[in-house]
């Protein structure tokens, strides 16, 4: 994944991206009946997107 990223600290950013996605996956699967379900997957993804975009673009 680091080869797909440009800029500084590519390896660190790649690891943080993986961590963010694992956290998102865990949240969506473990809390299907909680706030995540009520918010909807699309809304949760919208909330995650800025943080992921910052890691992708550096």
Protein backbone atom coordinates (compact mmCIF):
# COMPACT_ATOMS: atom_id res chain seq x y z
CA UNK A 1 0.00 0.00 0.00
CA UNK A 2 2.85 2.40 0.68
CA UNK A 3 3.72 2.46 -3.01
CA UNK A 4 0.28 3.91 -3.74
CA UNK A 5 0.80 6.85 -1.40
CA UNK A 6 2.86 9.94 -2.14
CA UNK A 7 4.46 12.43 0.18
CA UNK A 8 6.02 12.08 3.59
CA UNK A 9 5.56 9.29 6.13
CA UNK A 10 3.95 6.90 3.65
CA UNK A 11 4.53 3.79 5.77
CA UNK A 12 3.04 5.38 8.89
CA UNK A 13 0.07 6.72 6.96
CA UNK A 14 -0.52 3.32 5.37
CA UNK A 15 -0.62 1.66 8.79
CA UNK A 16 -2.99 4.31 10.13
CA UNK A 17 -5.29 3.83 7.12
CA UNK A 18 -5.44 0.10 7.79
CA UNK A 19 -6.17 0.79 11.46
CA UNK A 20 -8.96 3.21 10.55
CA UNK A 21 -10.56 0.69 8.19
CA UNK A 22 -10.29 -2.14 10.72
CA UNK A 23 -11.93 0.09 13.31
CA UNK A 24 -14.71 1.01 10.90
CA UNK A 25 -15.29 -2.65 10.06
CA UNK A 26 -15.40 -3.60 13.74
CA UNK A 27 -17.78 -0.74 14.51
CA UNK A 28 -20.16 -1.67 11.72
CA UNK A 29 -20.18 -5.37 12.59
CA UNK A 30 -20.24 -5.18 16.39
CA UNK A 31 -22.74 -2.41 16.84
CA UNK A 32 -25.40 -3.25 14.30
CA UNK A 33 -28.15 -2.47 16.78
CA UNK A 34 -26.60 0.66 18.31
CA UNK A 35 -25.91 4.19 17.14
CA UNK A 36 -24.15 2.95 14.03
CA UNK A 37 -27.27 1.23 12.80
CA UNK A 38 -29.43 4.25 13.49
CA UNK A 39 -26.97 6.55 11.74
CA UNK A 40 -26.65 4.27 8.73
CA UNK A 41 -23.53 3.00 7.05
CA UNK A 42 -23.41 5.87 4.56
CA UNK A 43 -23.47 8.51 7.28
CA UNK A 44 -20.78 6.69 9.26
CA UNK A 45 -18.65 6.49 6.11
CA UNK A 46 -19.17 10.24 5.58
CA UNK A 47 -17.85 10.86 9.08
CA UNK A 48 -14.81 8.63 8.48
CA UNK A 49 -14.00 10.00 5.02
CA UNK A 50 -12.20 13.22 6.03
CA UNK A 51 -9.81 11.41 8.35
CA UNK A 52 -9.03 8.77 5.76
CA UNK A 53 -8.63 11.36 3.02
CA UNK A 54 -6.13 13.27 5.16
CA UNK A 55 -4.08 10.10 5.61
CA UNK A 56 -4.24 9.26 1.90
CA UNK A 57 -3.23 12.68 0.67
CA UNK A 58 -0.81 13.46 3.46
